[in-house]
Structure formats: C-alpha cells, structure tokens
Amino acid sequence: LGEVEAALDVVNGFRDRPAGTLRLNVPISASRLVLPKIVPGFLAAYPAIRLEVIAEENFVDLLVAGCDAGIRYDERLEQDMIAVPI
C-alpha cells in the first residue's frame, strides 16, 4: 500500500504542471502572424512543454497527422473539432 501511495504522490506532482510535447499544425501564414504573438507567453507559462510546429499550406486532418491541436480559419475547421478563439 505504501508503494501505491508513493506512486500516486509522484503522479499527482504532475497534475498542475503540464509537460510533454505539443504538436501543433498551422497554416504558414499563422506561423508568421499568430504564433510569434502567443508562443513566448505560452512557453513562459508552461516551461515543461516542448512545442513542435508543423507549418504548411496543405489542409490536413489533425488526427491523421498525429497533431494535438491546430490553427484553422473558419472555413477550414474539421467537423469533429472544437474551436477556441485565440
């Protein structure tokens, strides 16, 4: 029981501190116009996050491409995606 509690303590230490790689797919224009305004603050707030940006003009399905999130313009939002204004 002590080992389980110790393991839970370790895991709970990460609960309020996001960590890992965030794969983001964006149009090239967003990589130039949007990301420079928001990425520095995001990385400062979440220093344990490694951001991987895939910038391309071709429209890709985020899930098929293995991405966690993406920036899309209104007309390019996949039907099963949730939009959050930035």
N, C-alpha and C. Protein backbone atom coordinates (compact mmCIF):
# COMPACT_ATOMS: atom_id res chain seq x y z
N LEU A 1 0.83 -1.20 0.00
CA LEU A 1 0.00 0.00 0.00
C LEU A 1 0.87 1.26 0.00
N GLY A 2 1.99 1.19 0.70
CA GLY A 2 2.91 2.33 0.74
C GLY A 2 3.49 2.65 -0.62
N GLU A 3 3.77 1.61 -1.42
CA GLU A 3 4.31 1.82 -2.77
C GLU A 3 3.28 2.49 -3.67
N VAL A 4 2.03 2.09 -3.54
CA VAL A 4 0.96 2.69 -4.34
C VAL A 4 0.81 4.16 -3.97
N GLU A 5 0.82 4.47 -2.69
CA GLU A 5 0.71 5.86 -2.25
C GLU A 5 1.89 6.69 -2.76
N ALA A 6 3.08 6.14 -2.73
CA ALA A 6 4.26 6.85 -3.22
C ALA A 6 4.14 7.10 -4.72
N ALA A 7 3.67 6.12 -5.46
CA ALA A 7 3.49 6.28 -6.91
C ALA A 7 2.44 7.35 -7.20
N LEU A 8 1.36 7.36 -6.44
CA LEU A 8 0.32 8.37 -6.62
C LEU A 8 0.85 9.77 -6.31
N ASP A 9 1.69 9.89 -5.30
CA ASP A 9 2.29 11.18 -4.98
C ASP A 9 3.14 11.70 -6.14
N VAL A 10 3.89 10.81 -6.77
CA VAL A 10 4.72 11.21 -7.91
C VAL A 10 3.84 11.66 -9.07
N VAL A 11 2.82 10.90 -9.38
CA VAL A 11 1.92 11.23 -10.49
C VAL A 11 1.17 12.53 -10.20
N ASN A 12 0.69 12.70 -9.00
CA ASN A 12 -0.05 13.91 -8.64
C ASN A 12 0.82 15.15 -8.71
N GLY A 13 2.12 14.99 -8.60
CA GLY A 13 3.02 16.13 -8.74
C GLY A 13 2.98 16.75 -10.12
N PHE A 14 2.53 15.99 -11.11
CA PHE A 14 2.44 16.49 -12.49
C PHE A 14 1.06 17.04 -12.82
N ARG A 15 0.12 16.88 -11.95
CA ARG A 15 -1.27 17.24 -12.22
C ARG A 15 -1.43 18.72 -12.57
N ASP A 16 -0.76 19.59 -11.86
CA ASP A 16 -0.90 21.03 -12.08
C ASP A 16 0.21 21.61 -12.93
N ARG A 17 1.04 20.74 -13.50
CA ARG A 17 2.19 21.20 -14.27
C ARG A 17 2.26 20.44 -15.58
N PRO A 18 1.59 20.95 -16.62
CA PRO A 18 1.61 20.25 -17.91
C PRO A 18 3.04 20.07 -18.42
N ALA A 19 3.29 18.92 -19.01
CA ALA A 19 4.62 18.62 -19.53
C ALA A 19 4.48 17.72 -20.75
N GLY A 20 5.49 17.74 -21.60
CA GLY A 20 5.50 16.88 -22.77
C GLY A 20 5.55 17.68 -24.05
N THR A 21 5.30 17.01 -25.15
CA THR A 21 5.35 17.63 -26.47
C THR A 21 3.94 17.94 -26.95
N LEU A 22 3.76 19.15 -27.45
CA LEU A 22 2.50 19.58 -28.05
C LEU A 22 2.76 19.77 -29.54
N ARG A 23 2.14 18.91 -30.36
CA ARG A 23 2.29 19.01 -31.82
C ARG A 23 1.17 19.89 -32.36
N LEU A 24 1.56 20.98 -33.01
CA LEU A 24 0.63 21.98 -33.50
C LEU A 24 0.76 22.12 -35.00
N ASN A 25 -0.34 21.97 -35.73
CA ASN A 25 -0.35 22.12 -37.19
C ASN A 25 -1.00 23.45 -37.52
N VAL A 26 -0.30 24.27 -38.29
CA VAL A 26 -0.81 25.61 -38.61
C VAL A 26 -0.54 25.95 -40.07
N PRO A 27 -1.36 26.83 -40.64
CA PRO A 27 -1.02 27.36 -41.96
C PRO A 27 0.26 28.20 -41.86
N ILE A 28 0.99 28.30 -42.94
CA ILE A 28 2.23 29.08 -42.93
C ILE A 28 1.95 30.52 -42.51
N SER A 29 0.85 31.08 -42.97
CA SER A 29 0.52 32.47 -42.60
C SER A 29 0.33 32.61 -41.10
N ALA A 30 -0.27 31.63 -40.45
CA ALA A 30 -0.45 31.69 -39.00
C ALA A 30 0.88 31.56 -38.27
N SER A 31 1.80 30.80 -38.85
CA SER A 31 3.11 30.66 -38.21
C SER A 31 3.86 31.99 -38.21
N ARG A 32 3.54 32.84 -39.15
CA ARG A 32 4.21 34.14 -39.24
C ARG A 32 3.44 35.24 -38.51
N LEU A 33 2.11 35.16 -38.53
CA LEU A 33 1.30 36.25 -38.00
C LEU A 33 0.77 36.01 -36.59
N VAL A 34 0.43 34.78 -36.27
CA VAL A 34 -0.23 34.48 -35.00
C VAL A 34 0.75 33.95 -33.95
N LEU A 35 1.53 32.95 -34.32
CA LEU A 35 2.39 32.29 -33.33
C LEU A 35 3.39 33.21 -32.63
N PRO A 36 4.05 34.13 -33.34
CA PRO A 36 5.00 34.99 -32.64
C PRO A 36 4.37 35.80 -31.50
N LYS A 37 3.08 36.04 -31.59
CA LYS A 37 2.39 36.82 -30.56
C LYS A 37 2.02 35.97 -29.34
N ILE A 38 1.81 34.66 -29.52
CA ILE A 38 1.30 33.85 -28.41
C ILE A 38 2.28 32.81 -27.87
N VAL A 39 3.22 32.37 -28.68
CA VAL A 39 4.11 31.29 -28.25
C VAL A 39 5.03 31.70 -27.09
N PRO A 40 5.67 32.85 -27.12
CA PRO A 40 6.56 33.18 -25.99
C PRO A 40 5.86 33.17 -24.63
N GLY A 41 4.67 33.74 -24.56
CA GLY A 41 3.92 33.73 -23.30
C GLY A 41 3.50 32.33 -22.89
N PHE A 42 3.10 31.52 -23.87
CA PHE A 42 2.70 30.14 -23.59
C PHE A 42 3.87 29.35 -23.02
N LEU A 43 5.02 29.44 -23.68
CA LEU A 43 6.19 28.68 -23.22
C LEU A 43 6.70 29.19 -21.87
N ALA A 44 6.54 30.48 -21.61
CA ALA A 44 6.93 31.02 -20.31
C ALA A 44 6.01 30.48 -19.21
N ALA A 45 4.73 30.35 -19.53
CA ALA A 45 3.76 29.85 -18.56
C ALA A 45 3.89 28.35 -18.35
N TYR A 46 4.32 27.63 -19.38
CA TYR A 46 4.41 26.17 -19.33
C TYR A 46 5.80 25.72 -19.79
N PRO A 47 6.82 25.94 -18.99
CA PRO A 47 8.19 25.65 -19.43
C PRO A 47 8.48 24.17 -19.66
N ALA A 48 7.66 23.28 -19.15
CA ALA A 48 7.89 21.85 -19.36
C ALA A 48 7.26 21.35 -20.66
N ILE A 49 6.63 22.25 -21.41
CA ILE A 49 6.03 21.88 -22.70
C ILE A 49 7.06 22.11 -23.80
N ARG A 50 7.20 21.13 -24.66
CA ARG A 50 8.02 21.26 -25.87
C ARG A 50 7.05 21.43 -27.02
N LEU A 51 7.16 22.53 -27.74
CA LEU A 51 6.24 22.84 -28.83
C LEU A 51 6.85 22.42 -30.16
N GLU A 52 6.12 21.61 -30.89
CA GLU A 52 6.54 21.18 -32.23
C GLU A 52 5.51 21.75 -33.21
N VAL A 53 5.94 22.66 -34.06
CA VAL A 53 5.05 23.33 -35.00
C VAL A 53 5.28 22.79 -36.40
N ILE A 54 4.20 22.35 -37.03
CA ILE A 54 4.24 21.91 -38.42
C ILE A 54 3.46 22.96 -39.21
N ALA A 55 4.17 23.75 -40.00
CA ALA A 55 3.54 24.82 -40.78
C ALA A 55 3.50 24.40 -42.24
N GLU A 56 2.30 24.40 -42.80
CA GLU A 56 2.14 24.01 -44.20
C GLU A 56 0.86 24.63 -44.76
N GLU A 57 0.81 24.76 -46.05
CA GLU A 57 -0.38 25.33 -46.70
C GLU A 57 -1.43 24.28 -46.99
N ASN A 58 -1.01 23.03 -47.13
CA ASN A 58 -1.98 21.97 -47.42
C ASN A 58 -2.85 21.72 -46.20
N PHE A 59 -4.13 21.56 -46.43
CA PHE A 59 -5.08 21.26 -45.37
C PHE A 59 -4.94 19.79 -45.00
N VAL A 60 -4.66 19.50 -43.73
CA VAL A 60 -4.51 18.12 -43.29
C VAL A 60 -5.45 17.86 -42.13
N ASP A 61 -5.84 16.61 -41.98
CA ASP A 61 -6.63 16.19 -40.83
C ASP A 61 -5.67 16.12 -39.64
N LEU A 62 -5.96 16.87 -38.59
CA LEU A 62 -5.06 16.95 -37.45
C LEU A 62 -4.82 15.59 -36.80
N LEU A 63 -5.87 14.80 -36.66
CA LEU A 63 -5.72 13.50 -36.01
C LEU A 63 -4.89 12.54 -36.85
N VAL A 64 -5.15 12.52 -38.15
CA VAL A 64 -4.40 11.65 -39.05
C VAL A 64 -2.92 12.05 -39.06
N ALA A 65 -2.66 13.34 -38.97
CA ALA A 65 -1.28 13.85 -38.99
C ALA A 65 -0.58 13.67 -37.65
N GLY A 66 -1.30 13.20 -36.64
CA GLY A 66 -0.69 12.99 -35.33
C GLY A 66 -0.49 14.27 -34.54
N CYS A 67 -1.29 15.28 -34.83
CA CYS A 67 -1.17 16.56 -34.13
C CYS A 67 -2.15 16.63 -32.97
N ASP A 68 -1.79 17.40 -31.97
CA ASP A 68 -2.63 17.58 -30.80
C ASP A 68 -3.62 18.72 -30.98
N ALA A 69 -3.23 19.72 -31.76
CA ALA A 69 -4.07 20.89 -31.97
C ALA A 69 -3.63 21.56 -33.26
N GLY A 70 -4.40 22.55 -33.67
CA GLY A 70 -4.05 23.27 -34.88
C GLY A 70 -4.71 24.62 -34.90
N ILE A 71 -4.20 25.46 -35.74
CA ILE A 71 -4.84 26.75 -36.00
C ILE A 71 -5.49 26.63 -37.36
N ARG A 72 -6.76 26.92 -37.39
CA ARG A 72 -7.53 26.86 -38.63
C ARG A 72 -8.34 28.14 -38.75
N TYR A 73 -8.60 28.53 -39.97
CA TYR A 73 -9.50 29.63 -40.23
C TYR A 73 -10.90 29.05 -40.33
N ASP A 74 -11.92 29.86 -40.11
CA ASP A 74 -13.30 29.38 -40.01
C ASP A 74 -13.69 28.36 -41.07
N GLU A 75 -13.34 28.63 -42.29
CA GLU A 75 -13.78 27.75 -43.37
C GLU A 75 -13.02 26.43 -43.41
N ARG A 76 -12.02 26.26 -42.59
CA ARG A 76 -11.20 25.06 -42.64
C ARG A 76 -11.25 24.24 -41.35
N LEU A 77 -12.30 24.36 -40.59
CA LEU A 77 -12.42 23.61 -39.34
C LEU A 77 -13.06 22.27 -39.60
N GLU A 78 -12.37 21.19 -39.20
CA GLU A 78 -12.93 19.86 -39.37
C GLU A 78 -14.21 19.74 -38.55
N GLN A 79 -15.15 18.95 -39.03
CA GLN A 79 -16.46 18.84 -38.41
C GLN A 79 -16.40 18.38 -36.96
N ASP A 80 -15.48 17.50 -36.62
CA ASP A 80 -15.42 16.96 -35.26
C ASP A 80 -14.45 17.71 -34.34
N MET A 81 -13.99 18.89 -34.76
CA MET A 81 -13.06 19.68 -33.96
C MET A 81 -13.81 20.73 -33.15
N ILE A 82 -13.20 21.16 -32.08
CA ILE A 82 -13.76 22.21 -31.23
C ILE A 82 -12.95 23.47 -31.45
N ALA A 83 -13.63 24.57 -31.73
CA ALA A 83 -12.96 25.85 -31.99
C ALA A 83 -12.82 26.64 -30.70
N VAL A 84 -11.63 27.19 -30.49
CA VAL A 84 -11.37 28.08 -29.37
C VAL A 84 -10.72 29.33 -29.95
N PRO A 85 -11.35 30.49 -29.83
CA PRO A 85 -10.76 31.71 -30.39
C PRO A 85 -9.43 32.05 -29.73
N ILE A 86 -8.48 32.53 -30.53
CA ILE A 86 -7.21 33.00 -29.96
C ILE A 86 -7.00 34.45 -30.33
